[in-house]
C-alpha atoms as a PDB file:
ATOM      1  CA  MET A   1     -16.818 -53.450 -16.560  1.00  0.00           C
ATOM      2  CA  SER A   2     -15.259 -56.191 -14.414  1.00  0.00           C
ATOM      3  CA  SER A   3     -14.948 -55.869 -10.644  1.00  0.00           C
ATOM      4  CA  ASP A   4     -11.129 -55.579 -10.912  1.00  0.00           C
ATOM      5  CA  GLU A   5     -11.409 -52.671 -13.371  1.00  0.00           C
ATOM      6  CA  ALA A   6     -13.982 -50.943 -11.178  1.00  0.00           C
ATOM      7  CA  GLN A   7     -11.760 -51.332  -8.112  1.00  0.00           C
ATOM      8  CA  GLU A   8      -8.780 -49.915 -10.036  1.00  0.00           C
ATOM      9  CA  THR A   9     -10.851 -46.936 -11.215  1.00  0.00           C
ATOM     10  CA  THR A  10     -12.035 -46.233  -7.670  1.00  0.00           C
ATOM     11  CA  SER A  11      -8.462 -46.370  -6.414  1.00  0.00           C
ATOM     12  CA  MET A  12      -7.329 -43.867  -9.062  1.00  0.00           C
ATOM     13  CA  VAL A  13     -10.160 -41.493  -8.123  1.00  0.00           C
ATOM     14  CA  ASP A  14      -9.250 -41.704  -4.420  1.00  0.00           C
ATOM     15  CA  SER A  15      -5.590 -41.032  -5.248  1.00  0.00           C
ATOM     16  CA  THR A  16      -6.601 -37.976  -7.278  1.00  0.00           C
ATOM     17  CA  LYS A  17      -8.641 -36.662  -4.337  1.00  0.00           C
ATOM     18  CA  VAL A  18      -5.679 -37.113  -2.003  1.00  0.00           C
ATOM     19  CA  VAL A  19      -3.394 -35.219  -4.394  1.00  0.00           C
ATOM     20  CA  LYS A  20      -5.939 -32.407  -4.742  1.00  0.00           C
ATOM     21  CA  LYS A  21      -6.338 -32.259  -0.974  1.00  0.00           C
ATOM     22  CA  ARG A  22      -2.602 -32.092  -0.426  1.00  0.00           C
ATOM     23  CA  THR A  23      -2.259 -29.440  -3.102  1.00  0.00           C
ATOM     24  CA  SER A  24      -5.014 -27.446  -1.453  1.00  0.00           C
ATOM     25  CA  ILE A  25      -3.261 -27.580   1.936  1.00  0.00           C
ATOM     26  CA  MET A  26       0.027 -26.479   0.387  1.00  0.00           C
ATOM     27  CA  ASP A  27      -1.747 -23.623  -1.364  1.00  0.00           C
ATOM     28  CA  LYS A  28      -3.231 -22.504   1.952  1.00  0.00           C
ATOM     29  CA  ILE A  29       0.186 -22.600   3.616  1.00  0.00           C
ATOM     30  CA  LYS A  30       1.714 -20.533   0.798  1.00  0.00           C
ATOM     31  CA  GLU A  31      -1.212 -18.131   1.000  1.00  0.00           C
ATOM     32  CA  LYS A  32      -0.652 -17.693   4.739  1.00  0.00           C
ATOM     33  CA  GLN A  33       3.050 -17.118   4.210  1.00  0.00           C
ATOM     34  CA  ASN A  34       2.288 -14.348   1.736  1.00  0.00           C
ATOM     35  CA  ASP A  35      -0.412 -12.818   3.951  1.00  0.00           C
ATOM     36  CA  GLN A  36       0.789  -9.596   5.578  1.00  0.00           C
ATOM     37  CA  ASP A  37      -1.442  -9.999   8.645  1.00  0.00           C
ATOM     38  CA  PHE A  38      -0.190 -13.560   9.319  1.00  0.00           C
ATOM     39  CA  GLN A  39       3.468 -12.556   8.995  1.00  0.00           C
ATOM     40  CA  GLN A  40       2.970  -9.630  11.348  1.00  0.00           C
ATOM     41  CA  LYS A  41       1.186 -11.709  14.016  1.00  0.00           C
ATOM     42  CA  LEU A  42       3.892 -14.366  13.806  1.00  0.00           C
ATOM     43  CA  GLY A  43       6.536 -11.700  14.340  1.00  0.00           C
ATOM     44  CA  VAL A  44       4.629 -10.287  17.327  1.00  0.00           C
ATOM     45  CA  GLY A  45       4.326 -13.726  18.965  1.00  0.00           C
ATOM     46  CA  THR A  46       8.033 -14.501  18.560  1.00  0.00           C
ATOM     47  CA  THR A  47       9.143 -11.119  19.883  1.00  0.00           C
ATOM     48  CA  LEU A  48       6.741 -11.251  22.850  1.00  0.00           C
ATOM     49  CA  ILE A  49       8.517 -14.311  24.289  1.00  0.00           C
ATOM     50  CA  LEU A  50      11.801 -12.410  24.397  1.00  0.00           C
ATOM     51  CA  GLU A  51      10.038  -9.354  25.826  1.00  0.00           C
ATOM     52  CA  ILE A  52       8.643 -11.318  28.794  1.00  0.00           C
ATOM     53  CA  TYR A  53      12.145 -12.562  29.609  1.00  0.00           C
ATOM     54  CA  ARG A  54      13.487  -9.020  29.370  1.00  0.00           C
ATOM     55  CA  VAL A  55      10.895  -7.565  31.738  1.00  0.00           C
ATOM     56  CA  LEU A  56      11.484 -10.296  34.335  1.00  0.00           C
ATOM     57  CA  MET A  57      15.241  -9.707  34.396  1.00  0.00           C
ATOM     58  CA  GLY A  58      14.935  -5.944  34.167  1.00  0.00           C
ATOM     59  CA  ALA A  59      12.236  -5.417  36.782  1.00  0.00           C
ATOM     60  CA  LEU A  60      13.260  -7.897  39.508  1.00  0.00           C
ATOM     61  CA  LEU A  61      16.729  -6.434  40.027  1.00  0.00           C
ATOM     62  CA  ILE A  62      16.930  -7.343  43.713  1.00  0.00           C
ATOM     63  CA  ALA A  63      16.169 -10.994  42.938  1.00  0.00           C
ATOM     64  CA  PHE A  64      18.552 -11.573  40.018  1.00  0.00           C
ATOM     65  CA  VAL A  65      21.583  -9.321  40.649  1.00  0.00           C
ATOM     66  CA  PRO A  66      24.347 -11.152  42.626  1.00  0.00           C
ATOM     67  CA  GLN A  67      24.747  -9.680  46.128  1.00  0.00           C
ATOM     68  CA  ASN A  68      26.845 -10.271  49.231  1.00  0.00           C
ATOM     69  CA  CYS A  69      25.581 -12.287  52.186  1.00  0.00           C
ATOM     70  CA  ASN A  70      28.417 -12.910  54.685  1.00  0.00           C
ATOM     71  CA  GLY A  71      31.017 -13.183  51.927  1.00  0.00           C
ATOM     72  CA  GLN A  72      28.927 -15.441  49.683  1.00  0.00           C
ATOM     73  CA  ILE A  73      26.390 -14.928  46.904  1.00  0.00           C
ATOM     74  CA  CYS A  74      22.924 -14.442  48.364  1.00  0.00           C
ATOM     75  CA  SER A  75      20.183 -16.834  47.377  1.00  0.00           C
ATOM     76  CA  MET A  76      17.072 -15.393  45.746  1.00  0.00           C
ATOM     77  CA  SER A  77      15.062 -15.837  48.940  1.00  0.00           C
ATOM     78  CA  GLU A  78      17.729 -13.982  50.951  1.00  0.00           C
ATOM     79  CA  ASN A  79      17.627 -11.100  48.471  1.00  0.00           C
ATOM     80  CA  LEU A  80      13.853 -10.830  48.716  1.00  0.00           C
ATOM     81  CA  THR A  81      13.386 -11.270  52.484  1.00  0.00           C
ATOM     82  CA  ARG A  82      15.693  -8.686  54.042  1.00  0.00           C
ATOM     83  CA  ASP A  83      14.398  -6.871  57.124  1.00  0.00           C
ATOM     84  CA  ASP A  84      15.529  -3.284  56.501  1.00  0.00           C
ATOM     85  CA  VAL A  85      13.030  -0.754  55.206  1.00  0.00           C
ATOM     86  CA  LEU A  86      15.067   0.254  52.160  1.00  0.00           C
ATOM     87  CA  ALA A  87      15.377  -3.352  50.957  1.00  0.00           C
ATOM     88  CA  LYS A  88      11.645  -3.940  51.436  1.00  0.00           C
ATOM     89  CA  THR A  89      10.903  -0.741  49.510  1.00  0.00           C
ATOM     90  CA  ALA A  90      13.192  -1.871  46.678  1.00  0.00           C
ATOM     91  CA  VAL A  91      11.502  -5.284  46.509  1.00  0.00           C
ATOM     92  CA  GLY A  92       8.115  -3.552  46.451  1.00  0.00           C
ATOM     93  CA  THR A  93       9.149  -1.306  43.563  1.00  0.00           C
ATOM     94  CA  ASN A  94      10.529  -4.376  41.737  1.00  0.00           C
ATOM     95  CA  PHE A  95       7.161  -6.137  41.750  1.00  0.00           C
ATOM     96  CA  THR A  96       5.247  -2.906  41.112  1.00  0.00           C
ATOM     97  CA  THR A  97       7.397  -2.302  38.034  1.00  0.00           C
ATOM     98  CA  LEU A  98       6.867  -5.887  36.906  1.00  0.00           C
ATOM     99  CA  GLY A  99       3.092  -5.486  37.214  1.00  0.00           C
ATOM    100  CA  ALA A 100       3.138  -2.149  35.359  1.00  0.00           C
ATOM    101  CA  PHE A 101       5.093  -3.636  32.455  1.00  0.00           C
ATOM    102  CA  LEU A 102       2.907  -6.753  32.258  1.00  0.00           C
ATOM    103  CA  ILE A 103      -0.149  -4.496  31.933  1.00  0.00           C
ATOM    104  CA  LEU A 104       1.770  -2.493  29.335  1.00  0.00           C
ATOM    105  CA  TYR A 105       2.514  -5.663  27.341  1.00  0.00           C
ATOM    106  CA  PHE A 106      -1.139  -6.725  27.501  1.00  0.00           C
ATOM    107  CA  ILE A 107      -2.311  -3.414  26.078  1.00  0.00           C
ATOM    108  CA  GLU A 108       0.608  -3.390  23.647  1.00  0.00           C
ATOM    109  CA  VAL A 109      -0.415  -6.759  22.166  1.00  0.00           C
ATOM    110  CA  LYS A 110      -4.088  -5.732  21.976  1.00  0.00           C
ATOM    111  CA  ARG A 111      -3.094  -2.503  20.211  1.00  0.00           C
ATOM    112  CA  GLU A 112      -0.807  -4.374  17.822  1.00  0.00           C
ATOM    113  CA  ASN A 113      -3.553  -6.864  16.908  1.00  0.00           C
ATOM    114  CA  LYS A 114      -6.010  -4.029  16.257  1.00  0.00           C
ATOM    115  CA  MET A 115      -3.529  -2.372  13.922  1.00  0.00           C
ATOM    116  CA  ILE A 116      -2.738  -5.645  12.136  1.00  0.00           C
ATOM    117  CA  ASN A 117      -6.434  -6.456  11.658  1.00  0.00           C
ATOM    118  CA  TYR A 118      -7.651  -2.989  10.692  1.00  0.00           C
ATOM    119  CA  LEU A 119      -4.668  -1.341   9.003  1.00  0.00           C
ATOM    120  CA  GLU A 120      -2.058  -2.025   6.372  1.00  0.00           C
ATOM    121  CA  VAL A 121       1.524  -0.961   5.739  1.00  0.00           C
ATOM    122  CA  ASN A 122       1.296   0.727   2.349  1.00  0.00           C
ATOM    123  CA  ARG A 123       4.484   2.263   0.956  1.00  0.00           C
ATOM    124  CA  PHE A 124       2.549   3.947  -1.857  1.00  0.00           C
ATOM    125  CA  THR A 125       0.422   6.192   0.393  1.00  0.00           C
ATOM    126  CA  PRO A 126       1.474   9.169   2.563  1.00  0.00           C
ATOM    127  CA  VAL A 127       2.378   8.606   6.210  1.00  0.00           C
ATOM    128  CA  ASP A 128       1.665  12.052   7.660  1.00  0.00           C
ATOM    129  CA  ASN A 129      -0.943  12.567  10.376  1.00  0.00           C
ATOM    130  CA  GLU A 130      -3.557  14.219   8.151  1.00  0.00           C
ATOM    131  CA  SER A 131      -3.343  11.671   5.315  1.00  0.00           C
ATOM    132  CA  VAL A 132      -3.617   8.695   7.670  1.00  0.00           C
ATOM    133  CA  GLY A 133      -6.562  10.400   9.382  1.00  0.00           C
ATOM    134  CA  GLU A 134      -8.359  10.568   6.035  1.00  0.00           C
ATOM    135  CA  CYS A 135      -7.698   6.855   5.494  1.00  0.00           C
ATOM    136  CA  LEU A 136      -9.170   6.069   8.922  1.00  0.00           C
ATOM    137  CA  GLU A 137     -12.477   7.522   7.718  1.00  0.00           C
ATOM    138  CA  LYS A 138     -12.876   4.345   5.653  1.00  0.00           C
ATOM    139  CA  LEU A 139     -13.131   2.273   8.837  1.00  0.00           C
ATOM    140  CA  PRO A 140     -16.436   1.749  10.658  1.00  0.00           C
ATOM    141  CA  ILE A 141     -16.761   4.241  13.506  1.00  0.00           C
ATOM    142  CA  ALA A 142     -16.704   1.524  16.198  1.00  0.00           C
ATOM    143  CA  LYS A 143     -13.449   0.014  14.886  1.00  0.00           C
ATOM    144  CA  ARG A 144     -11.827   3.417  14.447  1.00  0.00           C
ATOM    145  CA  ASP A 145     -12.733   4.467  17.997  1.00  0.00           C
ATOM    146  CA  LYS A 146     -11.467   1.161  19.426  1.00  0.00           C
ATOM    147  CA  LEU A 147      -8.152   1.567  17.619  1.00  0.00           C
ATOM    148  CA  LEU A 148      -7.659   5.117  18.873  1.00  0.00           C
ATOM    149  CA  GLN A 149      -8.731   4.062  22.361  1.00  0.00           C
ATOM    150  CA  TYR A 150      -6.076   1.347  22.649  1.00  0.00           C
ATOM    151  CA  ASP A 151      -3.463   3.719  21.250  1.00  0.00           C
ATOM    152  CA  ALA A 152      -4.343   6.216  24.018  1.00  0.00           C
ATOM    153  CA  TYR A 153      -4.232   3.456  26.665  1.00  0.00           C
ATOM    154  CA  TYR A 154      -0.816   2.406  25.418  1.00  0.00           C
ATOM    155  CA  GLN A 155       0.484   5.962  25.623  1.00  0.00           C
ATOM    156  CA  LYS A 156      -0.666   6.402  29.238  1.00  0.00           C
ATOM    157  CA  CYS A 157       0.685   2.996  30.314  1.00  0.00           C
ATOM    158  CA  GLY A 158       3.968   3.825  28.596  1.00  0.00           C
ATOM    159  CA  TYR A 159       4.400   6.961  30.707  1.00  0.00           C
ATOM    160  CA  ILE A 160       3.426   5.151  33.923  1.00  0.00           C
ATOM    161  CA  SER A 161       5.858   2.299  33.175  1.00  0.00           C
ATOM    162  CA  THR A 162       8.654   4.803  32.522  1.00  0.00           C
ATOM    163  CA  ILE A 163       8.131   6.423  35.925  1.00  0.00           C
ATOM    164  CA  ALA A 164       8.021   2.995  37.598  1.00  0.00           C
ATOM    165  CA  PHE A 165      11.275   2.024  35.867  1.00  0.00           C
ATOM    166  CA  VAL A 166      13.098   5.146  37.061  1.00  0.00           C
ATOM    167  CA  LEU A 167      11.967   4.738  40.699  1.00  0.00           C
ATOM    168  CA  ASN A 168      12.771   1.039  40.605  1.00  0.00           C
ATOM    169  CA  ALA A 169      16.274   1.723  39.319  1.00  0.00           C
ATOM    170  CA  ILE A 170      16.975   4.278  42.079  1.00  0.00           C
ATOM    171  CA  PHE A 171      15.820   2.119  45.013  1.00  0.00           C
ATOM    172  CA  SER A 172      17.396  -1.040  43.603  1.00  0.00           C
ATOM    173  CA  ILE A 173      20.795   0.559  42.927  1.00  0.00           C
ATOM    174  CA  ILE A 174      20.998   1.891  46.509  1.00  0.00           C
ATOM    175  CA  THR A 175      20.040  -1.489  47.996  1.00  0.00           C
ATOM    176  CA  ILE A 176      22.403  -3.471  45.768  1.00  0.00           C
ATOM    177  CA  TYR A 177      25.244  -1.036  46.504  1.00  0.00           C
ATOM    178  CA  ASN A 178      24.811  -1.739  50.222  1.00  0.00           C
ATOM    179  CA  HIS A 179      25.267  -5.463  49.491  1.00  0.00           C
ATOM    180  CA  TYR A 180      27.906  -5.196  46.766  1.00  0.00           C
ATOM    181  CA  LEU A 181      29.728  -8.481  46.061  1.00  0.00           C
ATOM    182  CA  ASP A 182      32.164  -8.093  43.143  1.00  0.00           C
ATOM    183  CA  SER A 183      32.333  -7.139  39.473  1.00  0.00           C
ATOM    184  CA  LYS A 184      29.502  -9.585  38.714  1.00  0.00           C
ATOM    185  CA  THR A 185      27.157  -7.356  40.681  1.00  0.00           C
ATOM    186  CA  LEU A 186      27.930  -4.335  38.534  1.00  0.00           C
ATOM    187  CA  THR A 187      27.899  -6.294  35.265  1.00  0.00           C
ATOM    188  CA  VAL A 188      24.516  -7.965  35.859  1.00  0.00           C
ATOM    189  CA  LEU A 189      22.972  -4.757  37.209  1.00  0.00           C
ATOM    190  CA  LEU A 190      24.021  -2.697  34.175  1.00  0.00           C
ATOM    191  CA  THR A 191      22.926  -5.450  31.764  1.00  0.00           C
ATOM    192  CA  ASN A 192      19.467  -5.696  33.312  1.00  0.00           C
ATOM    193  CA  LEU A 193      19.068  -1.930  33.421  1.00  0.00           C
ATOM    194  CA  LEU A 194      19.979  -1.735  29.742  1.00  0.00           C
ATOM    195  CA  PHE A 195      17.377  -4.451  29.048  1.00  0.00           C
ATOM    196  CA  MET A 196      14.637  -2.320  30.544  1.00  0.00           C
ATOM    197  CA  GLY A 197      16.080   0.977  29.404  1.00  0.00           C
ATOM    198  CA  SER A 198      15.962  -0.059  25.757  1.00  0.00           C
ATOM    199  CA  LYS A 199      12.327  -1.167  26.188  1.00  0.00           C
ATOM    200  CA  VAL A 200      11.380   2.130  27.831  1.00  0.00           C
ATOM    201  CA  SER A 201      13.092   3.996  25.000  1.00  0.00           C
ATOM    202  CA  ASP A 202      11.191   1.942  22.398  1.00  0.00           C
ATOM    203  CA  VAL A 203       7.868   2.566  24.132  1.00  0.00           C
ATOM    204  CA  PHE A 204       8.515   6.301  24.411  1.00  0.00           C
ATOM    205  CA  SER A 205       9.410   6.640  20.721  1.00  0.00           C
ATOM    206  CA  THR A 206       6.333   4.574  19.777  1.00  0.00           C
ATOM    207  CA  VAL A 207       3.762   6.519  21.806  1.00  0.00           C
ATOM    208  CA  ASN A 208       5.244  10.009  21.500  1.00  0.00           C
ATOM    209  CA  THR A 209       3.598  10.679  18.126  1.00  0.00           C
ATOM    210  CA  LYS A 210       0.648  12.551  16.695  1.00  0.00           C
ATOM    211  CA  LYS A 211      -2.862  11.131  16.995  1.00  0.00           C
ATOM    212  CA  ASN A 212      -3.011   9.243  13.675  1.00  0.00           C
ATOM    213  CA  VAL A 213       0.603   8.046  13.519  1.00  0.00           C
ATOM    214  CA  PHE A 214       0.638   4.342  14.445  1.00  0.00           C
ATOM    215  CA  TYR A 215       4.055   2.770  14.856  1.00  0.00           C
ATOM    216  CA  SER A 216       4.377  -0.946  15.444  1.00  0.00           C
ATOM    217  CA  ALA A 217       5.781  -1.888  18.856  1.00  0.00           C
ATOM    218  CA  TYR A 218       7.173  -5.215  17.622  1.00  0.00           C
ATOM    219  CA  LEU A 219       8.016  -5.176  13.931  1.00  0.00           C
ATOM    220  CA  LYS A 220      11.515  -4.145  12.896  1.00  0.00           C
ATOM    221  CA  ASN A 221      12.483  -0.686  11.662  1.00  0.00           C
ATOM    222  CA  LYS A 222       9.505   0.909  13.403  1.00  0.00           C
ATOM    223  CA  VAL A 223       6.916   0.012  10.765  1.00  0.00           C
ATOM    224  CA  GLN A 224       4.148   2.600  10.509  1.00  0.00           C
ATOM    225  CA  TYR A 225       0.588   1.526   9.712  1.00  0.00           C
ATOM    226  CA  ASN A 226      -0.672   4.178   7.314  1.00  0.00           C
ATOM    227  CA  ASP A 227      -3.621   2.666   5.400  1.00  0.00           C
ATOM    228  CA  VAL A 228      -6.822   0.748   6.079  1.00  0.00           C
ATOM    229  CA  ASP A 229      -6.970  -3.010   5.546  1.00  0.00           C
ATOM    230  CA  PRO A 230      -8.999  -3.531   2.317  1.00  0.00           C
ATOM    231  CA  ASP A 231     -11.386  -6.051   3.887  1.00  0.00           C
ATOM    232  CA  LYS A 232     -12.212  -3.643   6.749  1.00  0.00           C
ATOM    233  CA  ILE A 233     -13.231  -0.673   4.598  1.00  0.00           C
ATOM    234  CA  HIS A 234     -16.651   0.615   5.624  1.00  0.00           C
ATOM    235  CA  LEU A 235     -18.956   1.197   2.667  1.00  0.00           C
ATOM    236  CA  LEU A 236     -21.406   3.401   4.567  1.00  0.00           C
ATOM    237  CA  ASP A 237     -20.894   6.996   5.620  1.00  0.00           C
ATOM    238  CA  GLU A 238     -21.506   8.323   9.143  1.00  0.00           C
ATOM    239  CA  ASP A 239     -25.242   8.801   8.390  1.00  0.00           C
ATOM    240  CA  GLY A 240     -25.599   5.153   7.374  1.00  0.00           C
ATOM    241  CA  GLU A 241     -25.905   5.960   3.690  1.00  0.00           C
ATOM    242  CA  PRO A 242     -23.832   4.200   0.991  1.00  0.00           C
ATOM    243  CA  ARG A 243     -20.612   5.979   0.190  1.00  0.00           C
ATOM    244  CA  VAL A 244     -20.718   7.696  -3.205  1.00  0.00           C
ATOM    245  CA  GLU A 245     -17.585   8.914  -4.922  1.00  0.00           C
ATOM    246  CA  GLU A 246     -18.646  12.341  -6.202  1.00  0.00           C
ATOM    247  CA  LEU A 247     -17.208  13.772  -9.377  1.00  0.00           C
ATOM    248  CA  PRO A 248     -15.196  16.975  -9.047  1.00  0.00           C
ATOM    249  CA  GLU A 249     -17.192  20.110  -9.763  1.00  0.00           C
ATOM    250  CA  ASP A 250     -16.923  21.831 -13.160  1.00  0.00           C
ATOM    251  CA  GLU A 251     -15.513  18.725 -14.772  1.00  0.00           C
ATOM    252  CA  ASP A 252     -17.012  17.633 -18.092  1.00  0.00           C
ATOM    253  CA  VAL A 253     -17.380  13.936 -18.699  1.00  0.00           C
ATOM    254  CA  GLU A 254     -18.105  12.472 -22.101  1.00  0.00           C
ATOM    255  CA  VAL A 255     -20.487   9.531 -22.137  1.00  0.00           C
ATOM    256  CA  GLU A 256     -20.937   7.377 -25.200  1.00  0.00           C
ATOM    257  CA  VAL A 257     -24.518   6.234 -25.797  1.00  0.00           C
ATOM    258  CA  GLU A 258     -25.331   3.635 -28.384  1.00  0.00           C
ATOM    259  CA  VAL A 259     -28.667   4.319 -30.127  1.00  0.00           C
ATOM    260  CA  VAL A 260     -30.326   1.342 -31.734  1.00  0.00           C
ATOM    261  CA  GLU A 261     -33.327   1.907 -34.001  1.00  0.00           C
ATOM    262  CA  SER A 262     -35.487  -0.867 -35.333  1.00  0.00           C
ATOM    263  CA  GLY A 263     -34.591  -1.727 -38.889  1.00  0.00           C
ATOM    264  CA  SER A 264     -31.411   0.398 -38.894  1.00  0.00           C
ATOM    265  CA  VAL A 265     -27.828   0.038 -37.849  1.00  0.00           C
ATOM    266  CA  GLY A 266     -27.012   1.329 -34.366  1.00  0.00           C
ATOM    267  CA  GLU A 267     -25.306   4.699 -34.247  1.00  0.00           C
ATOM    268  CA  THR A 268     -23.078   6.007 -31.518  1.00  0.00           C
ATOM    269  CA  ALA A 269     -23.692   9.447 -30.100  1.00  0.00           C
ATOM    270  CA  THR A 270     -21.574  11.365 -27.690  1.00  0.00           C
ATOM    271  CA  GLU A 271     -23.300  13.310 -24.946  1.00  0.00           C
ATOM    272  CA  GLU A 272     -21.526  15.823 -22.794  1.00  0.00           C
ATOM    273  CA  VAL A 273     -22.537  15.808 -19.111  1.00  0.00           C
END
């Protein structure tokens, strides 16, 4: 083979490798797009950005609602640095509420990731508390306990955040009323309260469930995780022994046994167990 032919052959081989590599990358992208866990995490990340904006506007009411300072709109620093006790209390509840909701979001994301990694949304299996509890038995004990632990944390933080929201709304409304400017004040105040109110309502409906009912906090239509992720199924029982699917009692099973004798044709016998 001449050097030109060898060079041409090498070039064709390299081109084939490039095509295979590109095909492999495209296959991986398509596989990710069809992966339920990837789609769910992508949805959580996108929604979380909007949630952070909502909690900032809804918690820091004193800072963002237009108020009156000598006939003009107060600056943010003027809103936050008033000397009266009520205004200082309102600012304190604003930042306390912000902190409570940031902690809530942290636990919310951790809980959501645990559910995405360990569980599946399966429309062919029951969604009641008892049935999902039976499915959870397939998980390793450590993973199951961690999942239930974060769900309990989320429930407690949800109640605390709700109380913080109510107190924040009361103190902020009184303070803003004392520095009322015009219709913009009322419009922005109601909008921001609705921002937080809808979040509080979502959290309450998510956490106010039975022990084994896991609703997503981010995915649309309140998706319920009701089955275990296939690659997280634990193959050992609680005693560390391999799981064995036992046959129901009093059930006869026919087993076909092929008998092969030397020098004769094999015969098939049926044995009842």
